[in-house]
Amino acid sequence: MPSSPATGKKGSGSRSDAFLILRQEYDLADRTAKKVQKFVRLAGVPAINELRYVAHHLVNTIAPTSDDVDGEKELQRAINHCKRATYEASEAGILFAFDRIVEFKEDYRSVIISSVVPDWNQILALCETVTRRIAETREAREDRTPDHKDFEQLFDRLVAICNRLDAARDDMNKLVERESQQARRFLLTTVLSVLGIVAGVLAAMGAAYLQ
């Protein structure tokens, strides 16, 4: 039985390769969106919307509504939306991770964090670098799909950092308590010293007056 034009295209080598790429990119986007949603509720919604577009273009590829539909272009659009879904999910997760890191910084601003988290300065530098990359991409209005895998890996890295910071909170709280105790002891010592000096001055003045 002769194949229809759509079936014939689907059997071509380029079409098969494109469907394989689509499968890989869709799986990556789906995994990333789920990871982000596990990390923070609703952060993966833009990515899910992108995946809805994937379904739309894929349907156009498989069952075009007219002969004017270019199946190859529709398939490529579906792949691009998969990539954008990965980027959108990763960016949302990264921004939430930044909030967690800033919260940690604020919670322990009174002590030296690097005494418990040795790579604290490197963590802050990484956040600045990634923030700059996101801002530059948005300002340039460039296609963000080329960075989608890189940003997915950055998200995983920042999640690991957030988990380490959460685990360090017990030690950080102990450090805050030690610093507070030392500050209280220093204040008490200072007050006692001042009182001693005042008492000495008053005693000297009293002795001079009696003479």
N, C-alpha and C. Protein backbone atom coordinates (compact mmCIF):
# COMPACT_ATOMS: atom_id res chain seq x y z
N MET A 1 0.86 -1.20 0.00
CA MET A 1 0.00 0.00 0.00
C MET A 1 0.89 1.24 0.00
N PRO A 2 0.69 2.14 -0.95
CA PRO A 2 1.53 3.34 -0.97
C PRO A 2 1.28 4.19 0.24
N SER A 3 2.31 4.76 0.75
CA SER A 3 2.18 5.59 1.95
C SER A 3 1.71 6.97 1.57
N SER A 4 1.05 7.63 2.52
CA SER A 4 0.64 9.02 2.31
C SER A 4 1.85 9.90 2.39
N PRO A 5 1.77 11.15 1.92
CA PRO A 5 2.93 12.06 2.00
C PRO A 5 3.43 12.23 3.41
N ALA A 6 2.50 12.35 4.38
CA ALA A 6 2.92 12.56 5.76
C ALA A 6 3.67 11.35 6.26
N THR A 7 3.15 10.12 5.92
CA THR A 7 3.83 8.90 6.39
C THR A 7 5.17 8.75 5.74
N GLY A 8 5.23 9.13 4.46
CA GLY A 8 6.50 9.02 3.77
C GLY A 8 7.55 9.91 4.38
N LYS A 9 7.18 11.14 4.74
CA LYS A 9 8.13 12.05 5.37
C LYS A 9 8.60 11.51 6.71
N LYS A 10 7.66 10.91 7.47
CA LYS A 10 7.98 10.43 8.79
C LYS A 10 9.03 9.33 8.73
N GLY A 11 9.04 8.59 7.63
CA GLY A 11 10.00 7.50 7.51
C GLY A 11 11.35 7.95 7.05
N SER A 12 11.50 9.20 6.65
CA SER A 12 12.80 9.69 6.19
C SER A 12 13.80 9.74 7.33
N GLY A 13 15.10 9.71 6.94
CA GLY A 13 16.15 9.72 7.95
C GLY A 13 16.13 10.97 8.79
N SER A 14 15.94 12.13 8.13
CA SER A 14 15.94 13.39 8.88
C SER A 14 14.77 13.45 9.83
N ARG A 15 13.60 12.94 9.41
CA ARG A 15 12.43 12.94 10.28
C ARG A 15 12.66 12.03 11.48
N SER A 16 13.26 10.87 11.26
CA SER A 16 13.54 9.95 12.36
C SER A 16 14.49 10.57 13.36
N ASP A 17 15.54 11.23 12.85
CA ASP A 17 16.49 11.90 13.74
C ASP A 17 15.81 13.00 14.54
N ALA A 18 14.92 13.75 13.88
CA ALA A 18 14.23 14.84 14.57
C ALA A 18 13.33 14.30 15.67
N PHE A 19 12.65 13.18 15.41
CA PHE A 19 11.80 12.60 16.44
C PHE A 19 12.63 12.09 17.61
N LEU A 20 13.83 11.57 17.35
CA LEU A 20 14.71 11.12 18.42
C LEU A 20 15.15 12.32 19.27
N ILE A 21 15.52 13.42 18.60
CA ILE A 21 15.91 14.64 19.32
C ILE A 21 14.74 15.15 20.15
N LEU A 22 13.55 15.13 19.54
CA LEU A 22 12.35 15.57 20.25
C LEU A 22 12.14 14.75 21.51
N ARG A 23 12.30 13.44 21.40
CA ARG A 23 12.12 12.56 22.56
C ARG A 23 13.11 12.91 23.66
N GLN A 24 14.37 13.15 23.30
CA GLN A 24 15.40 13.47 24.28
C GLN A 24 15.14 14.83 24.93
N GLU A 25 14.78 15.82 24.12
CA GLU A 25 14.55 17.16 24.65
C GLU A 25 13.27 17.21 25.49
N TYR A 26 12.26 16.46 25.08
CA TYR A 26 11.02 16.43 25.85
C TYR A 26 11.27 15.79 27.22
N ASP A 27 12.01 14.68 27.23
CA ASP A 27 12.30 14.00 28.50
C ASP A 27 13.09 14.92 29.43
N LEU A 28 14.07 15.65 28.87
CA LEU A 28 14.86 16.58 29.68
C LEU A 28 13.97 17.68 30.25
N ALA A 29 13.11 18.24 29.41
CA ALA A 29 12.22 19.31 29.87
C ALA A 29 11.26 18.79 30.94
N ASP A 30 10.73 17.61 30.73
CA ASP A 30 9.78 17.03 31.69
C ASP A 30 10.46 16.77 33.03
N ARG A 31 11.66 16.20 33.00
CA ARG A 31 12.41 15.94 34.25
C ARG A 31 12.73 17.24 34.96
N THR A 32 13.16 18.24 34.21
CA THR A 32 13.53 19.52 34.81
C THR A 32 12.32 20.19 35.45
N ALA A 33 11.19 20.21 34.74
CA ALA A 33 9.98 20.82 35.29
C ALA A 33 9.56 20.13 36.58
N LYS A 34 9.66 18.81 36.61
CA LYS A 34 9.28 18.07 37.81
C LYS A 34 10.24 18.36 38.96
N LYS A 35 11.53 18.48 38.66
CA LYS A 35 12.52 18.80 39.70
C LYS A 35 12.24 20.17 40.29
N VAL A 36 11.95 21.12 39.41
CA VAL A 36 11.70 22.48 39.88
C VAL A 36 10.43 22.52 40.73
N GLN A 37 9.39 21.83 40.29
CA GLN A 37 8.15 21.83 41.06
C GLN A 37 8.33 21.15 42.41
N LYS A 38 9.22 20.19 42.46
CA LYS A 38 9.52 19.55 43.74
C LYS A 38 10.26 20.52 44.65
N PHE A 39 11.08 21.38 44.05
CA PHE A 39 11.88 22.35 44.80
C PHE A 39 11.03 23.51 45.27
N VAL A 40 10.12 23.97 44.41
CA VAL A 40 9.23 25.09 44.78
C VAL A 40 7.94 24.95 44.00
N ARG A 41 6.83 25.06 44.69
CA ARG A 41 5.53 24.90 44.05
C ARG A 41 5.28 25.96 42.99
N LEU A 42 4.69 25.53 41.89
CA LEU A 42 4.23 26.37 40.79
C LEU A 42 5.34 27.02 39.97
N ALA A 43 6.61 26.84 40.37
CA ALA A 43 7.68 27.49 39.63
C ALA A 43 7.82 26.93 38.22
N GLY A 44 7.31 25.73 37.99
CA GLY A 44 7.46 25.12 36.68
C GLY A 44 6.33 25.41 35.72
N VAL A 45 5.38 26.28 36.08
CA VAL A 45 4.22 26.54 35.24
C VAL A 45 4.60 27.06 33.85
N PRO A 46 5.51 28.06 33.71
CA PRO A 46 5.88 28.49 32.36
C PRO A 46 6.43 27.35 31.52
N ALA A 47 7.18 26.45 32.14
CA ALA A 47 7.71 25.31 31.40
C ALA A 47 6.60 24.38 30.93
N ILE A 48 5.61 24.18 31.79
CA ILE A 48 4.48 23.33 31.41
C ILE A 48 3.73 23.93 30.24
N ASN A 49 3.59 25.24 30.22
CA ASN A 49 2.94 25.91 29.09
C ASN A 49 3.73 25.68 27.80
N GLU A 50 5.05 25.72 27.90
CA GLU A 50 5.89 25.45 26.74
C GLU A 50 5.65 24.03 26.23
N LEU A 51 5.51 23.08 27.15
CA LEU A 51 5.28 21.69 26.75
C LEU A 51 3.92 21.53 26.09
N ARG A 52 2.96 22.38 26.43
CA ARG A 52 1.67 22.36 25.74
C ARG A 52 1.85 22.75 24.27
N TYR A 53 2.73 23.72 24.03
CA TYR A 53 3.01 24.11 22.64
C TYR A 53 3.67 22.96 21.88
N VAL A 54 4.47 22.18 22.58
CA VAL A 54 5.09 21.02 21.96
C VAL A 54 4.01 20.09 21.39
N ALA A 55 3.01 19.81 22.21
CA ALA A 55 1.92 18.94 21.77
C ALA A 55 1.21 19.51 20.55
N HIS A 56 1.00 20.84 20.55
CA HIS A 56 0.32 21.49 19.43
C HIS A 56 1.09 21.28 18.13
N HIS A 57 2.40 21.55 18.15
CA HIS A 57 3.19 21.43 16.93
C HIS A 57 3.38 19.97 16.53
N LEU A 58 3.44 19.09 17.50
CA LEU A 58 3.59 17.67 17.19
C LEU A 58 2.34 17.14 16.49
N VAL A 59 1.17 17.57 16.97
CA VAL A 59 -0.08 17.18 16.32
C VAL A 59 -0.10 17.71 14.88
N ASN A 60 0.37 18.93 14.69
CA ASN A 60 0.43 19.48 13.33
C ASN A 60 1.37 18.69 12.44
N THR A 61 2.39 18.12 13.05
CA THR A 61 3.33 17.31 12.28
C THR A 61 2.69 15.98 11.86
N ILE A 62 2.02 15.36 12.80
CA ILE A 62 1.46 14.03 12.56
C ILE A 62 0.18 14.09 11.74
N ALA A 63 -0.67 15.08 12.05
CA ALA A 63 -1.97 15.19 11.37
C ALA A 63 -2.19 16.62 10.92
N PRO A 64 -1.50 17.05 9.86
CA PRO A 64 -1.64 18.44 9.39
C PRO A 64 -3.05 18.72 8.92
N THR A 65 -3.50 19.95 9.14
CA THR A 65 -4.86 20.33 8.76
C THR A 65 -4.96 20.72 7.29
N SER A 66 -3.80 20.96 6.66
CA SER A 66 -3.81 21.31 5.24
C SER A 66 -2.47 20.94 4.63
N ASP A 67 -2.42 21.00 3.31
CA ASP A 67 -1.18 20.69 2.60
C ASP A 67 -0.14 21.78 2.78
N ASP A 68 -0.56 22.96 3.25
CA ASP A 68 0.38 24.07 3.43
C ASP A 68 1.23 23.91 4.69
N VAL A 69 0.87 23.00 5.57
CA VAL A 69 1.62 22.80 6.81
C VAL A 69 2.94 22.11 6.49
N ASP A 70 4.03 22.71 6.93
CA ASP A 70 5.37 22.13 6.74
C ASP A 70 5.69 21.27 7.96
N GLY A 71 5.62 19.95 7.79
CA GLY A 71 5.84 19.03 8.90
C GLY A 71 7.21 19.17 9.53
N GLU A 72 8.22 19.41 8.70
CA GLU A 72 9.59 19.54 9.22
C GLU A 72 9.71 20.77 10.13
N LYS A 73 9.11 21.88 9.71
CA LYS A 73 9.17 23.09 10.52
C LYS A 73 8.38 22.92 11.81
N GLU A 74 7.23 22.26 11.72
CA GLU A 74 6.42 22.03 12.92
C GLU A 74 7.18 21.16 13.92
N LEU A 75 7.88 20.16 13.41
CA LEU A 75 8.65 19.28 14.28
C LEU A 75 9.80 20.05 14.95
N GLN A 76 10.45 20.93 14.18
CA GLN A 76 11.53 21.73 14.75
C GLN A 76 11.00 22.70 15.80
N ARG A 77 9.81 23.24 15.56
CA ARG A 77 9.20 24.13 16.55
C ARG A 77 8.90 23.37 17.84
N ALA A 78 8.45 22.14 17.69
CA ALA A 78 8.19 21.32 18.89
C ALA A 78 9.47 21.10 19.68
N ILE A 79 10.56 20.83 18.98
CA ILE A 79 11.86 20.63 19.64
C ILE A 79 12.29 21.91 20.36
N ASN A 80 12.11 23.06 19.68
CA ASN A 80 12.51 24.33 20.29
C ASN A 80 11.71 24.64 21.55
N HIS A 81 10.43 24.31 21.54
CA HIS A 81 9.61 24.54 22.73
C HIS A 81 10.06 23.62 23.87
N CYS A 82 10.51 22.42 23.56
CA CYS A 82 11.06 21.54 24.59
C CYS A 82 12.28 22.20 25.24
N LYS A 83 13.14 22.76 24.42
CA LYS A 83 14.34 23.42 24.93
C LYS A 83 13.97 24.63 25.79
N ARG A 84 13.00 25.40 25.32
CA ARG A 84 12.57 26.57 26.09
C ARG A 84 11.93 26.15 27.41
N ALA A 85 11.23 25.03 27.39
CA ALA A 85 10.62 24.53 28.63
C ALA A 85 11.70 24.20 29.65
N THR A 86 12.78 23.57 29.20
CA THR A 86 13.90 23.27 30.09
C THR A 86 14.49 24.55 30.66
N TYR A 87 14.67 25.56 29.78
CA TYR A 87 15.24 26.83 30.24
C TYR A 87 14.31 27.53 31.23
N GLU A 88 13.03 27.61 30.90
CA GLU A 88 12.07 28.30 31.77
C GLU A 88 12.01 27.66 33.15
N ALA A 89 11.96 26.33 33.18
CA ALA A 89 11.92 25.63 34.46
C ALA A 89 13.20 25.88 35.24
N SER A 90 14.34 25.78 34.56
CA SER A 90 15.62 25.98 35.23
C SER A 90 15.75 27.39 35.78
N GLU A 91 15.36 28.39 34.98
CA GLU A 91 15.47 29.78 35.44
C GLU A 91 14.60 30.01 36.66
N ALA A 92 13.37 29.48 36.65
CA ALA A 92 12.49 29.65 37.80
C ALA A 92 13.10 29.02 39.05
N GLY A 93 13.66 27.83 38.89
CA GLY A 93 14.29 27.17 40.02
C GLY A 93 15.51 27.90 40.52
N ILE A 94 16.30 28.44 39.60
CA ILE A 94 17.50 29.18 39.95
C ILE A 94 17.14 30.43 40.76
N LEU A 95 16.13 31.16 40.31
CA LEU A 95 15.74 32.38 41.01
C LEU A 95 15.23 32.08 42.42
N PHE A 96 14.52 30.96 42.57
CA PHE A 96 14.06 30.59 43.90
C PHE A 96 15.25 30.18 44.77
N ALA A 97 16.23 29.49 44.18
CA ALA A 97 17.43 29.12 44.93
C ALA A 97 18.16 30.37 45.41
N PHE A 98 18.20 31.41 44.56
CA PHE A 98 18.81 32.67 44.98
C PHE A 98 18.11 33.22 46.22
N ASP A 99 16.78 33.16 46.23
CA ASP A 99 16.03 33.65 47.40
C ASP A 99 16.42 32.88 48.65
N ARG A 100 16.60 31.59 48.53
CA ARG A 100 16.99 30.77 49.67
C ARG A 100 18.39 31.15 50.17
N ILE A 101 19.29 31.42 49.24
CA ILE A 101 20.66 31.79 49.60
C ILE A 101 20.69 33.17 50.25
N VAL A 102 19.91 34.11 49.71
CA VAL A 102 19.83 35.45 50.31
C VAL A 102 19.24 35.37 51.71
N GLU A 103 18.24 34.53 51.88
CA GLU A 103 17.64 34.35 53.20
C GLU A 103 18.67 33.83 54.20
N PHE A 104 19.49 32.89 53.76
CA PHE A 104 20.55 32.36 54.62
C PHE A 104 21.54 33.46 54.98
N LYS A 105 21.89 34.28 54.00
CA LYS A 105 22.82 35.39 54.24
C LYS A 105 22.26 36.37 55.26
N GLU A 106 20.98 36.68 55.15
CA GLU A 106 20.35 37.61 56.09
C GLU A 106 20.23 37.01 57.49
N ASP A 107 19.91 35.73 57.55
CA ASP A 107 19.76 35.08 58.85
C ASP A 107 21.05 35.09 59.66
N TYR A 108 22.19 35.06 58.97
CA TYR A 108 23.47 34.94 59.67
C TYR A 108 24.41 36.10 59.32
N ARG A 109 23.82 37.27 59.10
CA ARG A 109 24.62 38.44 58.75
C ARG A 109 25.50 38.92 59.90
N SER A 110 25.21 38.49 61.13
CA SER A 110 25.97 38.97 62.29
C SER A 110 27.23 38.15 62.55
N VAL A 111 27.44 37.08 61.79
CA VAL A 111 28.61 36.24 62.00
C VAL A 111 29.32 36.01 60.67
N ILE A 112 30.51 35.42 60.76
CA ILE A 112 31.28 35.12 59.55
C ILE A 112 30.83 33.75 59.02
N ILE A 113 30.07 33.76 57.96
CA ILE A 113 29.48 32.53 57.44
C ILE A 113 30.56 31.56 56.94
N SER A 114 31.63 32.10 56.37
CA SER A 114 32.67 31.24 55.80
C SER A 114 33.38 30.40 56.85
N SER A 115 33.22 30.72 58.12
CA SER A 115 33.83 29.90 59.17
C SER A 115 33.13 28.55 59.28
N VAL A 116 31.90 28.48 58.79
CA VAL A 116 31.15 27.22 58.78
C VAL A 116 30.99 26.70 57.35
N VAL A 117 30.79 27.63 56.40
CA VAL A 117 30.66 27.27 54.98
C VAL A 117 31.89 27.80 54.26
N PRO A 118 32.95 27.00 54.13
CA PRO A 118 34.23 27.48 53.60
C PRO A 118 34.15 28.12 52.22
N ASP A 119 33.24 27.64 51.35
CA ASP A 119 33.16 28.17 49.98
C ASP A 119 32.07 29.23 49.84
N TRP A 120 31.74 29.90 50.92
CA TRP A 120 30.66 30.89 50.90
C TRP A 120 30.92 31.99 49.88
N ASN A 121 32.13 32.49 49.79
CA ASN A 121 32.43 33.55 48.83
C ASN A 121 32.28 33.06 47.40
N GLN A 122 32.65 31.80 47.15
CA GLN A 122 32.48 31.23 45.81
C GLN A 122 31.01 31.07 45.48
N ILE A 123 30.19 30.73 46.47
CA ILE A 123 28.74 30.61 46.26
C ILE A 123 28.17 31.96 45.84
N LEU A 124 28.55 33.02 46.54
CA LEU A 124 28.06 34.36 46.20
C LEU A 124 28.53 34.78 44.81
N ALA A 125 29.77 34.42 44.47
CA ALA A 125 30.29 34.76 43.14
C ALA A 125 29.52 34.02 42.05
N LEU A 126 29.18 32.76 42.31
CA LEU A 126 28.40 31.99 41.34
C LEU A 126 27.02 32.62 41.14
N CYS A 127 26.39 33.04 42.22
CA CYS A 127 25.08 33.68 42.12
C CYS A 127 25.15 34.95 41.29
N GLU A 128 26.19 35.73 41.49
CA GLU A 128 26.35 36.97 40.73
C GLU A 128 26.54 36.67 39.25
N THR A 129 27.34 35.66 38.95
CA THR A 129 27.60 35.30 37.55
C THR A 129 26.33 34.84 36.85
N VAL A 130 25.58 33.97 37.51
CA VAL A 130 24.35 33.45 36.91
C VAL A 130 23.30 34.55 36.77
N THR A 131 23.20 35.41 37.77
CA THR A 131 22.26 36.53 37.70
C THR A 131 22.57 37.43 36.51
N ARG A 132 23.86 37.68 36.30
CA ARG A 132 24.28 38.52 35.18
C ARG A 132 23.94 37.85 33.84
N ARG A 133 24.13 36.55 33.76
CA ARG A 133 23.82 35.82 32.53
C ARG A 133 22.33 35.88 32.21
N ILE A 134 21.50 35.70 33.23
CA ILE A 134 20.05 35.76 33.02
C ILE A 134 19.64 37.16 32.57
N ALA A 135 20.18 38.18 33.24
CA ALA A 135 19.84 39.56 32.89
C ALA A 135 20.28 39.91 31.48
N GLU A 136 21.47 39.50 31.10
CA GLU A 136 21.98 39.79 29.76
C GLU A 136 21.13 39.13 28.69
N THR A 137 20.70 37.90 28.95
CA THR A 137 19.87 37.19 27.98
C THR A 137 18.52 37.87 27.83
N ARG A 138 17.94 38.29 28.94
CA ARG A 138 16.64 38.96 28.88
C ARG A 138 16.74 40.29 28.14
N GLU A 139 17.78 41.07 28.45
CA GLU A 139 17.93 42.38 27.84
C GLU A 139 18.17 42.26 26.33
N ALA A 140 18.93 41.24 25.94
CA ALA A 140 19.23 41.06 24.52
C ALA A 140 18.07 40.45 23.76
N ARG A 141 17.10 39.90 24.50
CA ARG A 141 15.93 39.24 23.90
C ARG A 141 16.37 38.14 22.93
N GLU A 142 17.40 37.43 23.32
CA GLU A 142 17.91 36.35 22.48
C GLU A 142 17.11 35.07 22.72
N ASP A 143 17.25 34.16 21.75
CA ASP A 143 16.67 32.84 21.93
C ASP A 143 17.44 32.15 23.05
N ARG A 144 16.74 31.76 24.12
CA ARG A 144 17.41 31.21 25.29
C ARG A 144 17.64 29.71 25.21
N THR A 145 17.24 29.09 24.11
CA THR A 145 17.36 27.64 24.03
C THR A 145 18.81 27.13 24.01
N PRO A 146 19.78 27.87 23.46
CA PRO A 146 21.14 27.31 23.46
C PRO A 146 21.70 27.04 24.86
N ASP A 147 21.21 27.76 25.87
CA ASP A 147 21.72 27.60 27.23
C ASP A 147 20.89 26.66 28.08
N HIS A 148 19.92 25.99 27.48
CA HIS A 148 18.95 25.26 28.31
C HIS A 148 19.58 24.14 29.12
N LYS A 149 20.51 23.39 28.52
CA LYS A 149 21.15 22.29 29.27
C LYS A 149 22.10 22.84 30.33
N ASP A 150 22.79 23.92 30.00
CA ASP A 150 23.71 24.53 30.95
C ASP A 150 22.95 25.04 32.18
N PHE A 151 21.81 25.68 31.95
CA PHE A 151 21.03 26.22 33.06
C PHE A 151 20.39 25.11 33.88
N GLU A 152 20.04 24.00 33.24
CA GLU A 152 19.51 22.86 33.98
C GLU A 152 20.56 22.34 34.95
N GLN A 153 21.82 22.30 34.51
CA GLN A 153 22.91 21.85 35.37
C GLN A 153 23.19 22.87 36.48
N LEU A 154 23.08 24.16 36.16
CA LEU A 154 23.26 25.19 37.18
C LEU A 154 22.18 25.09 38.25
N PHE A 155 20.96 24.79 37.84
CA PHE A 155 19.88 24.60 38.80
C PHE A 155 20.21 23.47 39.76
N ASP A 156 20.66 22.33 39.22
CA ASP A 156 21.03 21.19 40.07
C ASP A 156 22.13 21.59 41.05
N ARG A 157 23.08 22.37 40.56
CA ARG A 157 24.20 22.81 41.41
C ARG A 157 23.71 23.71 42.54
N LEU A 158 22.79 24.61 42.23
CA LEU A 158 22.28 25.52 43.25
C LEU A 158 21.38 24.81 44.25
N VAL A 159 20.65 23.80 43.79
CA VAL A 159 19.85 23.01 44.72
C VAL A 159 20.75 22.30 45.73
N ALA A 160 21.86 21.75 45.23
CA ALA A 160 22.82 21.09 46.12
C ALA A 160 23.39 22.08 47.13
N ILE A 161 23.65 23.32 46.69
CA ILE A 161 24.15 24.35 47.59
C ILE A 161 23.10 24.68 48.65
N CYS A 162 21.85 24.84 48.24
CA CYS A 162 20.78 25.13 49.19
C CYS A 162 20.65 24.02 50.23
N ASN A 163 20.77 22.79 49.78
CA ASN A 163 20.68 21.66 50.72
C ASN A 163 21.84 21.70 51.71
N ARG A 164 23.04 22.06 51.23
CA ARG A 164 24.19 22.17 52.13
C ARG A 164 24.00 23.29 53.14
N LEU A 165 23.45 24.41 52.69
CA LEU A 165 23.22 25.53 53.59
C LEU A 165 22.19 25.17 54.65
N ASP A 166 21.16 24.45 54.24
CA ASP A 166 20.15 24.01 55.23
C ASP A 166 20.80 23.10 56.28
N ALA A 167 21.67 22.21 55.81
CA ALA A 167 22.34 21.30 56.73
C ALA A 167 23.30 22.04 57.66
N ALA A 168 23.79 23.20 57.22
CA ALA A 168 24.75 23.98 58.02
C ALA A 168 24.08 24.86 59.06
N ARG A 169 22.77 24.93 59.05
CA ARG A 169 22.07 25.85 59.96
C ARG A 169 22.31 25.52 61.44
N ASP A 170 22.38 24.25 61.77
CA ASP A 170 22.64 23.89 63.17
C ASP A 170 23.97 24.47 63.64
N ASP A 171 25.01 24.28 62.83
CA ASP A 171 26.32 24.82 63.19
C ASP A 171 26.31 26.35 63.17
N MET A 172 25.57 26.93 62.24
CA MET A 172 25.49 28.38 62.19
C MET A 172 24.78 28.94 63.42
N ASN A 173 23.74 28.25 63.86
CA ASN A 173 23.02 28.70 65.06
C ASN A 173 23.93 28.62 66.29
N LYS A 174 24.74 27.58 66.35
CA LYS A 174 25.68 27.45 67.46
C LYS A 174 26.71 28.58 67.41
N LEU A 175 27.15 28.92 66.20
CA LEU A 175 28.11 30.01 66.05
C LEU A 175 27.49 31.33 66.50
N VAL A 176 26.24 31.57 66.11
CA VAL A 176 25.55 32.80 66.53
C VAL A 176 25.46 32.86 68.04
N GLU A 177 25.14 31.72 68.68
CA GLU A 177 25.03 31.68 70.13
C GLU A 177 26.37 31.96 70.80
N ARG A 178 27.44 31.35 70.27
CA ARG A 178 28.78 31.60 70.82
C ARG A 178 29.16 33.07 70.69
N GLU A 179 28.89 33.64 69.52
CA GLU A 179 29.21 35.05 69.30
C GLU A 179 28.40 35.94 70.25
N SER A 180 27.16 35.57 70.48
CA SER A 180 26.30 36.35 71.38
C SER A 180 26.82 36.27 72.82
N GLN A 181 27.23 35.06 73.23
CA GLN A 181 27.78 34.90 74.57
C GLN A 181 29.06 35.71 74.74
N GLN A 182 29.91 35.67 73.73
CA GLN A 182 31.16 36.43 73.80
C GLN A 182 30.87 37.93 73.85
N ALA A 183 29.88 38.35 73.07
CA ALA A 183 29.53 39.77 73.08
C ALA A 183 28.99 40.18 74.44
N ARG A 184 28.17 39.30 75.03
CA ARG A 184 27.63 39.61 76.36
C ARG A 184 28.75 39.65 77.40
N ARG A 185 29.68 38.70 77.33
CA ARG A 185 30.80 38.69 78.28
C ARG A 185 31.66 39.94 78.11
N PHE A 186 31.91 40.32 76.85
CA PHE A 186 32.70 41.52 76.59
C PHE A 186 32.01 42.75 77.16
N LEU A 187 30.69 42.82 76.95
CA LEU A 187 29.93 43.95 77.46
C LEU A 187 29.96 43.99 78.98
N LEU A 188 29.80 42.81 79.59
CA LEU A 188 29.83 42.75 81.05
C LEU A 188 31.19 43.15 81.59
N THR A 189 32.24 42.65 80.94
CA THR A 189 33.61 42.99 81.36
C THR A 189 33.85 44.49 81.21
N THR A 190 33.38 45.05 80.10
CA THR A 190 33.55 46.49 79.87
C THR A 190 32.82 47.31 80.92
N VAL A 191 31.57 46.91 81.20
CA VAL A 191 30.78 47.63 82.20
C VAL A 191 31.44 47.55 83.57
N LEU A 192 31.90 46.35 83.94
CA LEU A 192 32.57 46.19 85.23
C LEU A 192 33.84 47.02 85.30
N SER A 193 34.57 47.07 84.19
CA SER A 193 35.80 47.87 84.16
C SER A 193 35.48 49.34 84.34
N VAL A 194 34.44 49.79 83.63
CA VAL A 194 34.05 51.20 83.75
C VAL A 194 33.59 51.51 85.17
N LEU A 195 32.80 50.60 85.74
CA LEU A 195 32.34 50.80 87.11
C LEU A 195 33.52 50.83 88.07
N GLY A 196 34.52 49.96 87.82
CA GLY A 196 35.72 49.95 88.67
C GLY A 196 36.46 51.26 88.59
N ILE A 197 36.56 51.78 87.35
CA ILE A 197 37.25 53.07 87.17
C ILE A 197 36.48 54.18 87.88
N VAL A 198 35.14 54.17 87.68
CA VAL A 198 34.32 55.20 88.32
C VAL A 198 34.43 55.11 89.83
N ALA A 199 34.39 53.87 90.36
CA ALA A 199 34.52 53.69 91.81
C ALA A 199 35.86 54.18 92.29
N GLY A 200 36.92 53.93 91.53
CA GLY A 200 38.25 54.41 91.91
C GLY A 200 38.33 55.92 91.92
N VAL A 201 37.72 56.52 90.88
CA VAL A 201 37.74 57.98 90.81
C VAL A 201 36.96 58.58 91.98
N LEU A 202 35.80 57.99 92.28
CA LEU A 202 34.99 58.49 93.38
C LEU A 202 35.71 58.32 94.72
N ALA A 203 36.39 57.17 94.87
CA ALA A 203 37.14 56.94 96.11
C ALA A 203 38.25 57.95 96.26
N ALA A 204 38.95 58.24 95.16
CA ALA A 204 40.03 59.22 95.19
C ALA A 204 39.48 60.61 95.52
N MET A 205 38.34 60.93 94.91
CA MET A 205 37.75 62.24 95.18
C MET A 205 37.30 62.34 96.64
N GLY A 206 36.75 61.21 97.16
CA GLY A 206 36.31 61.22 98.55
C GLY A 206 37.49 61.37 99.49
N ALA A 207 38.60 60.70 99.19
CA ALA A 207 39.79 60.80 100.03
C ALA A 207 40.34 62.22 100.01
N ALA A 208 40.34 62.81 98.82
CA ALA A 208 40.85 64.18 98.71
C ALA A 208 39.96 65.15 99.47
N TYR A 209 38.66 64.91 99.45
CA TYR A 209 37.74 65.78 100.15
C TYR A 209 37.92 65.69 101.67
N LEU A 210 38.15 64.47 102.17
CA LEU A 210 38.34 64.27 103.60
C LEU A 210 39.64 64.92 104.07
N GLN A 211 40.61 65.00 103.21
CA GLN A 211 41.84 65.65 103.62
C GLN A 211 41.64 67.16 103.74
